[in-house]
Amino acid sequence: MRTSGALLLPHWRAGTPALLSLLPTIAYTIAFPLALKLLIDEAIPAGDGSRAAALVAAMLGLLALCTVGDALNHYFTARVVADVLNSLRLRLFSHLQELSLSFYAGAHSGQVFSRYVSGTEA
């Protein structure tokens, strides 16, 4: 957990929109059951068509907002993951460049490259 935080901390500016884009989903999760309750328990039995239409429109609006927020969340999350992986690859590459020649004399270059690539796959 400590290592994950150290990798994510430099990318907090890119991660903030990812967290904020969850707010429409939270709002939808909270408001949809309440709107459905009002629709079924009050608007439909009372025969209030305008209130029922307003509640359905509000539910559809929340659904659209939730869909946009979800798409934005996927975009921002993918961006943060790509940034973190690029940072990790750069750290690993820098470390490989600092290793001594005796390390490379004892290691096969294909093995080092294979471990570098497979260790940083997304």
PDB file of N, CA and C in Angstrom:
ATOM      1  N   MET A   1       0.829  -1.187   0.000  1.00  0.00           N
ATOM      2  CA  MET A   1       0.000   0.000   0.000  1.00  0.00           C
ATOM      3  C   MET A   1       0.875   1.253   0.000  1.00  0.00           C
ATOM      4  N   ARG A   2       1.965   1.189   0.749  1.00  0.00           N
ATOM      5  CA  ARG A   2       2.863   2.331   0.827  1.00  0.00           C
ATOM      6  C   ARG A   2       3.511   2.599  -0.527  1.00  0.00           C
ATOM      7  N   THR A   3       3.874   1.535  -1.241  1.00  0.00           N
ATOM      8  CA  THR A   3       4.483   1.678  -2.560  1.00  0.00           C
ATOM      9  C   THR A   3       3.482   2.234  -3.559  1.00  0.00           C
ATOM     10  N   SER A   4       2.237   1.771  -3.479  1.00  0.00           N
ATOM     11  CA  SER A   4       1.202   2.276  -4.382  1.00  0.00           C
ATOM     12  C   SER A   4       0.990   3.769  -4.162  1.00  0.00           C
ATOM     13  N   GLY A   5       0.950   4.170  -2.904  1.00  0.00           N
ATOM     14  CA  GLY A   5       0.779   5.583  -2.605  1.00  0.00           C
ATOM     15  C   GLY A   5       1.943   6.414  -3.113  1.00  0.00           C
ATOM     16  N   ALA A   6       3.147   5.880  -3.006  1.00  0.00           N
ATOM     17  CA  ALA A   6       4.322   6.606  -3.489  1.00  0.00           C
ATOM     18  C   ALA A   6       4.291   6.749  -5.006  1.00  0.00           C
ATOM     19  N   LEU A   7       3.753   5.756  -5.688  1.00  0.00           N
ATOM     20  CA  LEU A   7       3.654   5.846  -7.149  1.00  0.00           C
ATOM     21  C   LEU A   7       2.520   6.765  -7.583  1.00  0.00           C
ATOM     22  N   LEU A   8       1.428   6.795  -6.818  1.00  0.00           N
ATOM     23  CA  LEU A   8       0.263   7.603  -7.193  1.00  0.00           C
ATOM     24  C   LEU A   8       0.393   9.071  -6.788  1.00  0.00           C
ATOM     25  N   LEU A   9       1.121   9.339  -5.727  1.00  0.00           N
ATOM     26  CA  LEU A   9       1.203  10.700  -5.194  1.00  0.00           C
ATOM     27  C   LEU A   9       1.654  11.747  -6.211  1.00  0.00           C
ATOM     28  N   PRO A  10       2.664  11.489  -7.048  1.00  0.00           N
ATOM     29  CA  PRO A  10       3.052  12.504  -8.026  1.00  0.00           C
ATOM     30  C   PRO A  10       1.974  12.787  -9.080  1.00  0.00           C
ATOM     31  N   HIS A  11       0.976  11.930  -9.164  1.00  0.00           N
ATOM     32  CA  HIS A  11      -0.061  12.081 -10.190  1.00  0.00           C
ATOM     33  C   HIS A  11      -1.405  12.476  -9.581  1.00  0.00           C
ATOM     34  N   TRP A  12      -1.380  13.147  -8.439  1.00  0.00           N
ATOM     35  CA  TRP A  12      -2.624  13.483  -7.759  1.00  0.00           C
ATOM     36  C   TRP A  12      -3.474  14.461  -8.561  1.00  0.00           C
ATOM     37  N   ARG A  13      -2.826  15.334  -9.345  1.00  0.00           N
ATOM     38  CA  ARG A  13      -3.603  16.283 -10.155  1.00  0.00           C
ATOM     39  C   ARG A  13      -4.415  15.562 -11.225  1.00  0.00           C
ATOM     40  N   ALA A  14      -3.841  14.525 -11.802  1.00  0.00           N
ATOM     41  CA  ALA A  14      -4.567  13.742 -12.809  1.00  0.00           C
ATOM     42  C   ALA A  14      -5.584  12.823 -12.142  1.00  0.00           C
ATOM     43  N   GLY A  15      -5.347  12.435 -10.896  1.00  0.00           N
ATOM     44  CA  GLY A  15      -6.262  11.544 -10.193  1.00  0.00           C
ATOM     45  C   GLY A  15      -7.476  12.232  -9.610  1.00  0.00           C
ATOM     46  N   THR A  16      -7.358  13.526  -9.349  1.00  0.00           N
ATOM     47  CA  THR A  16      -8.479  14.263  -8.773  1.00  0.00           C
ATOM     48  C   THR A  16      -9.705  14.264  -9.688  1.00  0.00           C
ATOM     49  N   PRO A  17      -9.569  14.552 -10.992  1.00  0.00           N
ATOM     50  CA  PRO A  17     -10.764  14.467 -11.851  1.00  0.00           C
ATOM     51  C   PRO A  17     -11.357  13.055 -11.903  1.00  0.00           C
ATOM     52  N   ALA A  18     -10.529  12.037 -11.770  1.00  0.00           N
ATOM     53  CA  ALA A  18     -11.045  10.665 -11.763  1.00  0.00           C
ATOM     54  C   ALA A  18     -11.941  10.448 -10.550  1.00  0.00           C
ATOM     55  N   LEU A  19     -11.534  10.987  -9.408  1.00  0.00           N
ATOM     56  CA  LEU A  19     -12.367  10.865  -8.211  1.00  0.00           C
ATOM     57  C   LEU A  19     -13.628  11.724  -8.314  1.00  0.00           C
ATOM     58  N   LEU A  20     -13.486  12.943  -8.832  1.00  0.00           N
ATOM     59  CA  LEU A  20     -14.648  13.824  -8.961  1.00  0.00           C
ATOM     60  C   LEU A  20     -15.663  13.299  -9.965  1.00  0.00           C
ATOM     61  N   SER A  21     -15.193  12.563 -10.962  1.00  0.00           N
ATOM     62  CA  SER A  21     -16.127  12.035 -11.958  1.00  0.00           C
ATOM     63  C   SER A  21     -16.977  10.901 -11.397  1.00  0.00           C
ATOM     64  N   LEU A  22     -16.690  10.460 -10.168  1.00  0.00           N
ATOM     65  CA  LEU A  22     -17.534   9.466  -9.510  1.00  0.00           C
ATOM     66  C   LEU A  22     -18.775  10.085  -8.866  1.00  0.00           C
ATOM     67  N   LEU A  23     -18.782  11.406  -8.695  1.00  0.00           N
ATOM     68  CA  LEU A  23     -19.900  12.070  -8.015  1.00  0.00           C
ATOM     69  C   LEU A  23     -21.243  11.858  -8.707  1.00  0.00           C
ATOM     70  N   PRO A  24     -21.339  11.937 -10.054  1.00  0.00           N
ATOM     71  CA  PRO A  24     -22.648  11.654 -10.672  1.00  0.00           C
ATOM     72  C   PRO A  24     -23.145  10.235 -10.408  1.00  0.00           C
ATOM     73  N   THR A  25     -22.255   9.275 -10.353  1.00  0.00           N
ATOM     74  CA  THR A  25     -22.662   7.898 -10.067  1.00  0.00           C
ATOM     75  C   THR A  25     -23.168   7.782  -8.631  1.00  0.00           C
ATOM     76  N   ILE A  26     -22.507   8.467  -7.715  1.00  0.00           N
ATOM     77  CA  ILE A  26     -22.955   8.466  -6.318  1.00  0.00           C
ATOM     78  C   ILE A  26     -24.322   9.132  -6.215  1.00  0.00           C
ATOM     79  N   ALA A  27     -24.484  10.263  -6.895  1.00  0.00           N
ATOM     80  CA  ALA A  27     -25.775  10.956  -6.871  1.00  0.00           C
ATOM     81  C   ALA A  27     -26.874  10.078  -7.458  1.00  0.00           C
ATOM     82  N   TYR A  28     -26.586   9.395  -8.540  1.00  0.00           N
ATOM     83  CA  TYR A  28     -27.573   8.514  -9.177  1.00  0.00           C
ATOM     84  C   TYR A  28     -27.934   7.363  -8.248  1.00  0.00           C
ATOM     85  N   THR A  29     -26.944   6.787  -7.604  1.00  0.00           N
ATOM     86  CA  THR A  29     -27.184   5.663  -6.701  1.00  0.00           C
ATOM     87  C   THR A  29     -28.061   6.063  -5.523  1.00  0.00           C
ATOM     88  N   ILE A  30     -27.900   7.289  -5.065  1.00  0.00           N
ATOM     89  CA  ILE A  30     -28.702   7.776  -3.938  1.00  0.00           C
ATOM     90  C   ILE A  30     -30.083   8.244  -4.396  1.00  0.00           C
ATOM     91  N   ALA A  31     -30.157   9.001  -5.479  1.00  0.00           N
ATOM     92  CA  ALA A  31     -31.404   9.652  -5.879  1.00  0.00           C
ATOM     93  C   ALA A  31     -32.366   8.739  -6.625  1.00  0.00           C
ATOM     94  N   PHE A  32     -31.862   7.757  -7.373  1.00  0.00           N
ATOM     95  CA  PHE A  32     -32.760   6.927  -8.178  1.00  0.00           C
ATOM     96  C   PHE A  32     -33.786   6.176  -7.335  1.00  0.00           C
ATOM     97  N   PRO A  33     -33.390   5.492  -6.247  1.00  0.00           N
ATOM     98  CA  PRO A  33     -34.410   4.805  -5.449  1.00  0.00           C
ATOM     99  C   PRO A  33     -35.427   5.762  -4.833  1.00  0.00           C
ATOM    100  N   LEU A  34     -34.982   6.941  -4.444  1.00  0.00           N
ATOM    101  CA  LEU A  34     -35.910   7.915  -3.873  1.00  0.00           C
ATOM    102  C   LEU A  34     -36.904   8.409  -4.918  1.00  0.00           C
ATOM    103  N   ALA A  35     -36.423   8.683  -6.118  1.00  0.00           N
ATOM    104  CA  ALA A  35     -37.312   9.128  -7.194  1.00  0.00           C
ATOM    105  C   ALA A  35     -38.287   8.023  -7.581  1.00  0.00           C
ATOM    106  N   LEU A  36     -37.810   6.795  -7.601  1.00  0.00           N
ATOM    107  CA  LEU A  36     -38.680   5.666  -7.924  1.00  0.00           C
ATOM    108  C   LEU A  36     -39.739   5.478  -6.853  1.00  0.00           C
ATOM    109  N   LYS A  37     -39.361   5.656  -5.604  1.00  0.00           N
ATOM    110  CA  LYS A  37     -40.324   5.567  -4.499  1.00  0.00           C
ATOM    111  C   LYS A  37     -41.402   6.635  -4.644  1.00  0.00           C
ATOM    112  N   LEU A  38     -40.980   7.872  -4.923  1.00  0.00           N
ATOM    113  CA  LEU A  38     -41.963   8.951  -5.104  1.00  0.00           C
ATOM    114  C   LEU A  38     -42.879   8.669  -6.288  1.00  0.00           C
ATOM    115  N   LEU A  39     -42.322   8.132  -7.351  1.00  0.00           N
ATOM    116  CA  LEU A  39     -43.112   7.829  -8.539  1.00  0.00           C
ATOM    117  C   LEU A  39     -44.155   6.756  -8.246  1.00  0.00           C
ATOM    118  N   ILE A  40     -43.737   5.659  -7.618  1.00  0.00           N
ATOM    119  CA  ILE A  40     -44.640   4.530  -7.382  1.00  0.00           C
ATOM    120  C   ILE A  40     -45.610   4.797  -6.229  1.00  0.00           C
ATOM    121  N   ASP A  41     -45.135   5.404  -5.157  1.00  0.00           N
ATOM    122  CA  ASP A  41     -45.978   5.570  -3.971  1.00  0.00           C
ATOM    123  C   ASP A  41     -46.863   6.808  -4.010  1.00  0.00           C
ATOM    124  N   GLU A  42     -46.439   7.841  -4.744  1.00  0.00           N
ATOM    125  CA  GLU A  42     -47.211   9.085  -4.677  1.00  0.00           C
ATOM    126  C   GLU A  42     -47.754   9.548  -6.029  1.00  0.00           C
ATOM    127  N   ALA A  43     -46.917   9.643  -7.045  1.00  0.00           N
ATOM    128  CA  ALA A  43     -47.350  10.250  -8.310  1.00  0.00           C
ATOM    129  C   ALA A  43     -48.337   9.368  -9.071  1.00  0.00           C
ATOM    130  N   ILE A  44     -48.053   8.075  -9.193  1.00  0.00           N
ATOM    131  CA  ILE A  44     -48.926   7.194  -9.969  1.00  0.00           C
ATOM    132  C   ILE A  44     -50.269   6.970  -9.263  1.00  0.00           C
ATOM    133  N   PRO A  45     -50.301   6.638  -7.942  1.00  0.00           N
ATOM    134  CA  PRO A  45     -51.609   6.440  -7.293  1.00  0.00           C
ATOM    135  C   PRO A  45     -52.473   7.703  -7.276  1.00  0.00           C
ATOM    136  N   ALA A  46     -51.834   8.871  -7.198  1.00  0.00           N
ATOM    137  CA  ALA A  46     -52.604  10.124  -7.178  1.00  0.00           C
ATOM    138  C   ALA A  46     -53.055  10.518  -8.574  1.00  0.00           C
ATOM    139  N   GLY A  47     -52.550   9.854  -9.595  1.00  0.00           N
ATOM    140  CA  GLY A  47     -52.907  10.198 -10.968  1.00  0.00           C
ATOM    141  C   GLY A  47     -52.317  11.522 -11.423  1.00  0.00           C
ATOM    142  N   ASP A  48     -51.231  11.921 -10.798  1.00  0.00           N
ATOM    143  CA  ASP A  48     -50.569  13.190 -11.116  1.00  0.00           C
ATOM    144  C   ASP A  48     -49.576  12.955 -12.259  1.00  0.00           C
ATOM    145  N   GLY A  49     -50.043  13.147 -13.484  1.00  0.00           N
ATOM    146  CA  GLY A  49     -49.228  12.889 -14.669  1.00  0.00           C
ATOM    147  C   GLY A  49     -48.038  13.827 -14.796  1.00  0.00           C
ATOM    148  N   SER A  50     -48.223  15.082 -14.440  1.00  0.00           N
ATOM    149  CA  SER A  50     -47.117  16.029 -14.583  1.00  0.00           C
ATOM    150  C   SER A  50     -45.998  15.724 -13.594  1.00  0.00           C
ATOM    151  N   ARG A  51     -46.364  15.310 -12.371  1.00  0.00           N
ATOM    152  CA  ARG A  51     -45.338  14.956 -11.393  1.00  0.00           C
ATOM    153  C   ARG A  51     -44.638  13.662 -11.811  1.00  0.00           C
ATOM    154  N   ALA A  52     -45.388  12.713 -12.325  1.00  0.00           N
ATOM    155  CA  ALA A  52     -44.799  11.458 -12.794  1.00  0.00           C
ATOM    156  C   ALA A  52     -43.830  11.731 -13.949  1.00  0.00           C
ATOM    157  N   ALA A  53     -44.240  12.606 -14.867  1.00  0.00           N
ATOM    158  CA  ALA A  53     -43.369  12.942 -15.998  1.00  0.00           C
ATOM    159  C   ALA A  53     -42.107  13.649 -15.507  1.00  0.00           C
ATOM    160  N   ALA A  54     -42.257  14.523 -14.517  1.00  0.00           N
ATOM    161  CA  ALA A  54     -41.095  15.234 -13.981  1.00  0.00           C
ATOM    162  C   ALA A  54     -40.139  14.260 -13.292  1.00  0.00           C
ATOM    163  N   LEU A  55     -40.679  13.298 -12.561  1.00  0.00           N
ATOM    164  CA  LEU A  55     -39.823  12.315 -11.892  1.00  0.00           C
ATOM    165  C   LEU A  55     -39.115  11.413 -12.901  1.00  0.00           C
ATOM    166  N   VAL A  56     -39.828  10.996 -13.942  1.00  0.00           N
ATOM    167  CA  VAL A  56     -39.194  10.172 -14.980  1.00  0.00           C
ATOM    168  C   VAL A  56     -38.117  10.976 -15.703  1.00  0.00           C
ATOM    169  N   ALA A  57     -38.401  12.240 -15.990  1.00  0.00           N
ATOM    170  CA  ALA A  57     -37.396  13.095 -16.645  1.00  0.00           C
ATOM    171  C   ALA A  57     -36.177  13.284 -15.754  1.00  0.00           C
ATOM    172  N   ALA A  58     -36.411  13.449 -14.451  1.00  0.00           N
ATOM    173  CA  ALA A  58     -35.292  13.602 -13.518  1.00  0.00           C
ATOM    174  C   ALA A  58     -34.459  12.318 -13.465  1.00  0.00           C
ATOM    175  N   MET A  59     -35.122  11.180 -13.472  1.00  0.00           N
ATOM    176  CA  MET A  59     -34.407   9.906 -13.444  1.00  0.00           C
ATOM    177  C   MET A  59     -33.600   9.712 -14.724  1.00  0.00           C
ATOM    178  N   LEU A  60     -34.168  10.080 -15.866  1.00  0.00           N
ATOM    179  CA  LEU A  60     -33.431   9.970 -17.131  1.00  0.00           C
ATOM    180  C   LEU A  60     -32.260  10.952 -17.180  1.00  0.00           C
ATOM    181  N   GLY A  61     -32.468  12.157 -16.647  1.00  0.00           N
ATOM    182  CA  GLY A  61     -31.380  13.132 -16.588  1.00  0.00           C
ATOM    183  C   GLY A  61     -30.240  12.647 -15.714  1.00  0.00           C
ATOM    184  N   LEU A  62     -30.587  12.057 -14.570  1.00  0.00           N
ATOM    185  CA  LEU A  62     -29.551  11.495 -13.686  1.00  0.00           C
ATOM    186  C   LEU A  62     -28.822  10.343 -14.361  1.00  0.00           C
ATOM    187  N   LEU A  63     -29.565   9.537 -15.115  1.00  0.00           N
ATOM    188  CA  LEU A  63     -28.933   8.433 -15.835  1.00  0.00           C
ATOM    189  C   LEU A  63     -27.955   8.954 -16.882  1.00  0.00           C
ATOM    190  N   ALA A  64     -28.354   9.996 -17.613  1.00  0.00           N
ATOM    191  CA  ALA A  64     -27.457  10.583 -18.618  1.00  0.00           C
ATOM    192  C   ALA A  64     -26.219  11.175 -17.950  1.00  0.00           C
ATOM    193  N   LEU A  65     -26.416  11.867 -16.842  1.00  0.00           N
ATOM    194  CA  LEU A  65     -25.297  12.450 -16.102  1.00  0.00           C
ATOM    195  C   LEU A  65     -24.368  11.355 -15.563  1.00  0.00           C
ATOM    196  N   CYS A  66     -24.955  10.273 -15.099  1.00  0.00           N
ATOM    197  CA  CYS A  66     -24.174   9.140 -14.602  1.00  0.00           C
ATOM    198  C   CYS A  66     -23.357   8.517 -15.726  1.00  0.00           C
ATOM    199  N   THR A  67     -23.947   8.405 -16.912  1.00  0.00           N
ATOM    200  CA  THR A  67     -23.243   7.828 -18.059  1.00  0.00           C
ATOM    201  C   THR A  67     -22.053   8.690 -18.463  1.00  0.00           C
ATOM    202  N   VAL A  68     -22.250   9.988 -18.502  1.00  0.00           N
ATOM    203  CA  VAL A  68     -21.147  10.902 -18.841  1.00  0.00           C
ATOM    204  C   VAL A  68     -20.056  10.838 -17.774  1.00  0.00           C
ATOM    205  N   GLY A  69     -20.457  10.830 -16.505  1.00  0.00           N
ATOM    206  CA  GLY A  69     -19.482  10.733 -15.415  1.00  0.00           C
ATOM    207  C   GLY A  69     -18.703   9.439 -15.468  1.00  0.00           C
ATOM    208  N   ASP A  70     -19.382   8.353 -15.823  1.00  0.00           N
ATOM    209  CA  ASP A  70     -18.702   7.060 -15.924  1.00  0.00           C
ATOM    210  C   ASP A  70     -17.688   7.055 -17.066  1.00  0.00           C
ATOM    211  N   ALA A  71     -18.074   7.638 -18.204  1.00  0.00           N
ATOM    212  CA  ALA A  71     -17.138   7.713 -19.334  1.00  0.00           C
ATOM    213  C   ALA A  71     -15.921   8.565 -18.974  1.00  0.00           C
ATOM    214  N   LEU A  72     -16.161   9.689 -18.310  1.00  0.00           N
ATOM    215  CA  LEU A  72     -15.048  10.542 -17.876  1.00  0.00           C
ATOM    216  C   LEU A  72     -14.168   9.822 -16.862  1.00  0.00           C
ATOM    217  N   ASN A  73     -14.790   9.059 -15.962  1.00  0.00           N
ATOM    218  CA  ASN A  73     -14.020   8.312 -14.982  1.00  0.00           C
ATOM    219  C   ASN A  73     -13.113   7.298 -15.655  1.00  0.00           C
ATOM    220  N   HIS A  74     -13.624   6.588 -16.651  1.00  0.00           N
ATOM    221  CA  HIS A  74     -12.783   5.629 -17.371  1.00  0.00           C
ATOM    222  C   HIS A  74     -11.614   6.327 -18.062  1.00  0.00           C
ATOM    223  N   TYR A  75     -11.885   7.479 -18.660  1.00  0.00           N
ATOM    224  CA  TYR A  75     -10.826   8.225 -19.350  1.00  0.00           C
ATOM    225  C   TYR A  75      -9.749   8.676 -18.366  1.00  0.00           C
ATOM    226  N   PHE A  76     -10.160   9.324 -17.285  1.00  0.00           N
ATOM    227  CA  PHE A  76      -9.185   9.858 -16.325  1.00  0.00           C
ATOM    228  C   PHE A  76      -8.428   8.743 -15.611  1.00  0.00           C
ATOM    229  N   THR A  77      -9.113   7.646 -15.312  1.00  0.00           N
ATOM    230  CA  THR A  77      -8.447   6.522 -14.662  1.00  0.00           C
ATOM    231  C   THR A  77      -7.403   5.908 -15.588  1.00  0.00           C
ATOM    232  N   ALA A  78      -7.747   5.742 -16.857  1.00  0.00           N
ATOM    233  CA  ALA A  78      -6.783   5.197 -17.819  1.00  0.00           C
ATOM    234  C   ALA A  78      -5.576   6.115 -17.950  1.00  0.00           C
ATOM    235  N   ARG A  79      -5.824   7.419 -17.893  1.00  0.00           N
ATOM    236  CA  ARG A  79      -4.724   8.376 -17.982  1.00  0.00           C
ATOM    237  C   ARG A  79      -3.790   8.272 -16.783  1.00  0.00           C
ATOM    238  N   VAL A  80      -4.359   8.140 -15.599  1.00  0.00           N
ATOM    239  CA  VAL A  80      -3.538   8.010 -14.392  1.00  0.00           C
ATOM    240  C   VAL A  80      -2.743   6.707 -14.429  1.00  0.00           C
ATOM    241  N   VAL A  81      -3.391   5.617 -14.838  1.00  0.00           N
ATOM    242  CA  VAL A  81      -2.698   4.324 -14.911  1.00  0.00           C
ATOM    243  C   VAL A  81      -1.543   4.402 -15.905  1.00  0.00           C
ATOM    244  N   ALA A  82      -1.777   5.022 -17.060  1.00  0.00           N
ATOM    245  CA  ALA A  82      -0.708   5.158 -18.057  1.00  0.00           C
ATOM    246  C   ALA A  82       0.441   6.002 -17.510  1.00  0.00           C
ATOM    247  N   ASP A  83       0.121   7.088 -16.814  1.00  0.00           N
ATOM    248  CA  ASP A  83       1.165   7.933 -16.232  1.00  0.00           C
ATOM    249  C   ASP A  83       1.974   7.184 -15.179  1.00  0.00           C
ATOM    250  N   VAL A  84       1.292   6.424 -14.331  1.00  0.00           N
ATOM    251  CA  VAL A  84       1.986   5.669 -13.286  1.00  0.00           C
ATOM    252  C   VAL A  84       2.869   4.597 -13.913  1.00  0.00           C
ATOM    253  N   LEU A  85       2.363   3.890 -14.908  1.00  0.00           N
ATOM    254  CA  LEU A  85       3.174   2.865 -15.569  1.00  0.00           C
ATOM    255  C   LEU A  85       4.383   3.468 -16.274  1.00  0.00           C
ATOM    256  N   ASN A  86       4.194   4.617 -16.905  1.00  0.00           N
ATOM    257  CA  ASN A  86       5.333   5.280 -17.550  1.00  0.00           C
ATOM    258  C   ASN A  86       6.379   5.697 -16.518  1.00  0.00           C
ATOM    259  N   SER A  87       5.955   6.193 -15.375  1.00  0.00           N
ATOM    260  CA  SER A  87       6.895   6.556 -14.306  1.00  0.00           C
ATOM    261  C   SER A  87       7.633   5.332 -13.794  1.00  0.00           C
ATOM    262  N   LEU A  88       6.882   4.240 -13.634  1.00  0.00           N
ATOM    263  CA  LEU A  88       7.504   3.009 -13.165  1.00  0.00           C
ATOM    264  C   LEU A  88       8.512   2.479 -14.176  1.00  0.00           C
ATOM    265  N   ARG A  89       8.165   2.529 -15.457  1.00  0.00           N
ATOM    266  CA  ARG A  89       9.100   2.086 -16.494  1.00  0.00           C
ATOM    267  C   ARG A  89      10.355   2.950 -16.507  1.00  0.00           C
ATOM    268  N   LEU A  90      10.184   4.251 -16.347  1.00  0.00           N
ATOM    269  CA  LEU A  90      11.335   5.157 -16.334  1.00  0.00           C
ATOM    270  C   LEU A  90      12.241   4.872 -15.142  1.00  0.00           C
ATOM    271  N   ARG A  91      11.640   4.636 -13.967  1.00  0.00           N
ATOM    272  CA  ARG A  91      12.448   4.300 -12.783  1.00  0.00           C
ATOM    273  C   ARG A  91      13.214   3.004 -12.988  1.00  0.00           C
ATOM    274  N   LEU A  92      12.533   2.018 -13.553  1.00  0.00           N
ATOM    275  CA  LEU A  92      13.187   0.733 -13.782  1.00  0.00           C
ATOM    276  C   LEU A  92      14.295   0.862 -14.825  1.00  0.00           C
ATOM    277  N   PHE A  93      14.041   1.607 -15.894  1.00  0.00           N
ATOM    278  CA  PHE A  93      15.059   1.800 -16.929  1.00  0.00           C
ATOM    279  C   PHE A  93      16.262   2.551 -16.365  1.00  0.00           C
ATOM    280  N   SER A  94      16.009   3.569 -15.553  1.00  0.00           N
ATOM    281  CA  SER A  94      17.112   4.312 -14.928  1.00  0.00           C
ATOM    282  C   SER A  94      17.932   3.395 -14.020  1.00  0.00           C
ATOM    283  N   HIS A  95      17.243   2.524 -13.297  1.00  0.00           N
ATOM    284  CA  HIS A  95      17.952   1.579 -12.427  1.00  0.00           C
ATOM    285  C   HIS A  95      18.799   0.618 -13.257  1.00  0.00           C
ATOM    286  N   LEU A  96      18.250   0.136 -14.366  1.00  0.00           N
ATOM    287  CA  LEU A  96      19.014  -0.777 -15.225  1.00  0.00           C
ATOM    288  C   LEU A  96      20.251  -0.100 -15.799  1.00  0.00           C
ATOM    289  N   GLN A  97      20.168   1.198 -16.080  1.00  0.00           N
ATOM    290  CA  GLN A  97      21.324   1.908 -16.607  1.00  0.00           C
ATOM    291  C   GLN A  97      22.402   2.110 -15.551  1.00  0.00           C
ATOM    292  N   GLU A  98      22.011   2.138 -14.285  1.00  0.00           N
ATOM    293  CA  GLU A  98      22.982   2.345 -13.211  1.00  0.00           C
ATOM    294  C   GLU A  98      23.672   1.065 -12.765  1.00  0.00           C
ATOM    295  N   LEU A  99      23.197  -0.089 -13.233  1.00  0.00           N
ATOM    296  CA  LEU A  99      23.821  -1.352 -12.834  1.00  0.00           C
ATOM    297  C   LEU A  99      25.215  -1.471 -13.439  1.00  0.00           C
ATOM    298  N   SER A 100      26.053  -2.212 -12.747  1.00  0.00           N
ATOM    299  CA  SER A 100      27.441  -2.347 -13.187  1.00  0.00           C
ATOM    300  C   SER A 100      27.548  -3.268 -14.400  1.00  0.00           C
ATOM    301  N   LEU A 101      28.697  -3.179 -15.062  1.00  0.00           N
ATOM    302  CA  LEU A 101      28.941  -4.038 -16.212  1.00  0.00           C
ATOM    303  C   LEU A 101      29.042  -5.503 -15.803  1.00  0.00           C
ATOM    304  N   SER A 102      29.471  -5.758 -14.577  1.00  0.00           N
ATOM    305  CA  SER A 102      29.574  -7.149 -14.124  1.00  0.00           C
ATOM    306  C   SER A 102      28.192  -7.799 -14.032  1.00  0.00           C
ATOM    307  N   PHE A 103      27.167  -7.015 -13.722  1.00  0.00           N
ATOM    308  CA  PHE A 103      25.807  -7.563 -13.719  1.00  0.00           C
ATOM    309  C   PHE A 103      25.433  -8.030 -15.114  1.00  0.00           C
ATOM    310  N   TYR A 104      25.701  -7.195 -16.100  1.00  0.00           N
ATOM    311  CA  TYR A 104      25.342  -7.548 -17.472  1.00  0.00           C
ATOM    312  C   TYR A 104      26.236  -8.650 -18.043  1.00  0.00           C
ATOM    313  N   ALA A 105      27.431  -8.805 -17.504  1.00  0.00           N
ATOM    314  CA  ALA A 105      28.307  -9.892 -17.951  1.00  0.00           C
ATOM    315  C   ALA A 105      27.746 -11.242 -17.515  1.00  0.00           C
ATOM    316  N   GLY A 106      27.077 -11.258 -16.352  1.00  0.00           N
ATOM    317  CA  GLY A 106      26.524 -12.504 -15.845  1.00  0.00           C
ATOM    318  C   GLY A 106      25.094 -12.762 -16.262  1.00  0.00           C
ATOM    319  N   ALA A 107      24.423 -11.771 -16.807  1.00  0.00           N
ATOM    320  CA  ALA A 107      23.015 -11.925 -17.190  1.00  0.00           C
ATOM    321  C   ALA A 107      22.876 -11.917 -18.703  1.00  0.00           C
ATOM    322  N   HIS A 108      21.955 -12.689 -19.187  1.00  0.00           N
ATOM    323  CA  HIS A 108      21.671 -12.686 -20.620  1.00  0.00           C
ATOM    324  C   HIS A 108      20.806 -11.476 -20.948  1.00  0.00           C
ATOM    325  N   SER A 109      21.136 -10.800 -22.038  1.00  0.00           N
ATOM    326  CA  SER A 109      20.399  -9.575 -22.375  1.00  0.00           C
ATOM    327  C   SER A 109      18.930  -9.866 -22.662  1.00  0.00           C
ATOM    328  N   GLY A 110      18.634 -10.991 -23.245  1.00  0.00           N
ATOM    329  CA  GLY A 110      17.242 -11.356 -23.514  1.00  0.00           C
ATOM    330  C   GLY A 110      16.455 -11.554 -22.234  1.00  0.00           C
ATOM    331  N   GLN A 111      17.114 -12.111 -21.221  1.00  0.00           N
ATOM    332  CA  GLN A 111      16.467 -12.317 -19.937  1.00  0.00           C
ATOM    333  C   GLN A 111      16.149 -10.979 -19.270  1.00  0.00           C
ATOM    334  N   VAL A 112      17.093 -10.057 -19.300  1.00  0.00           N
ATOM    335  CA  VAL A 112      16.891  -8.733 -18.697  1.00  0.00           C
ATOM    336  C   VAL A 112      15.771  -8.000 -19.420  1.00  0.00           C
ATOM    337  N   PHE A 113      15.795  -8.027 -20.738  1.00  0.00           N
ATOM    338  CA  PHE A 113      14.765  -7.337 -21.511  1.00  0.00           C
ATOM    339  C   PHE A 113      13.395  -7.971 -21.285  1.00  0.00           C
ATOM    340  N   SER A 114      13.342  -9.301 -21.243  1.00  0.00           N
ATOM    341  CA  SER A 114      12.077  -9.994 -21.013  1.00  0.00           C
ATOM    342  C   SER A 114      11.486  -9.631 -19.664  1.00  0.00           C
ATOM    343  N   ARG A 115      12.318  -9.585 -18.646  1.00  0.00           N
ATOM    344  CA  ARG A 115      11.836  -9.220 -17.307  1.00  0.00           C
ATOM    345  C   ARG A 115      11.411  -7.757 -17.240  1.00  0.00           C
ATOM    346  N   TYR A 116      12.125  -6.910 -17.960  1.00  0.00           N
ATOM    347  CA  TYR A 116      11.755  -5.480 -18.006  1.00  0.00           C
ATOM    348  C   TYR A 116      10.392  -5.316 -18.648  1.00  0.00           C
ATOM    349  N   VAL A 117      10.179  -5.974 -19.770  1.00  0.00           N
ATOM    350  CA  VAL A 117       8.921  -5.819 -20.495  1.00  0.00           C
ATOM    351  C   VAL A 117       7.766  -6.470 -19.743  1.00  0.00           C
ATOM    352  N   SER A 118       7.952  -7.686 -19.269  1.00  0.00           N
ATOM    353  CA  SER A 118       6.859  -8.392 -18.607  1.00  0.00           C
ATOM    354  C   SER A 118       6.557  -7.805 -17.225  1.00  0.00           C
ATOM    355  N   GLY A 119       7.525  -7.173 -16.608  1.00  0.00           N
ATOM    356  CA  GLY A 119       7.308  -6.587 -15.299  1.00  0.00           C
ATOM    357  C   GLY A 119       6.539  -5.282 -15.341  1.00  0.00           C
ATOM    358  N   THR A 120       6.452  -4.653 -16.494  1.00  0.00           N
ATOM    359  CA  THR A 120       5.766  -3.360 -16.579  1.00  0.00           C
ATOM    360  C   THR A 120       4.596  -3.395 -17.556  1.00  0.00           C
ATOM    361  N   GLU A 121       4.097  -4.594 -17.868  1.00  0.00           N
ATOM    362  CA  GLU A 121       2.919  -4.674 -18.731  1.00  0.00           C
ATOM    363  C   GLU A 121       1.700  -4.191 -17.980  1.00  0.00           C
ATOM    364  N   ALA A 122       0.793  -3.570 -18.711  1.00  0.00           N
ATOM    365  CA  ALA A 122      -0.430  -3.068 -18.087  1.00  0.00           C
ATOM    366  C   ALA A 122      -1.455  -4.153 -17.960  1.00  0.00           C
TER     367      ALA A 122
END
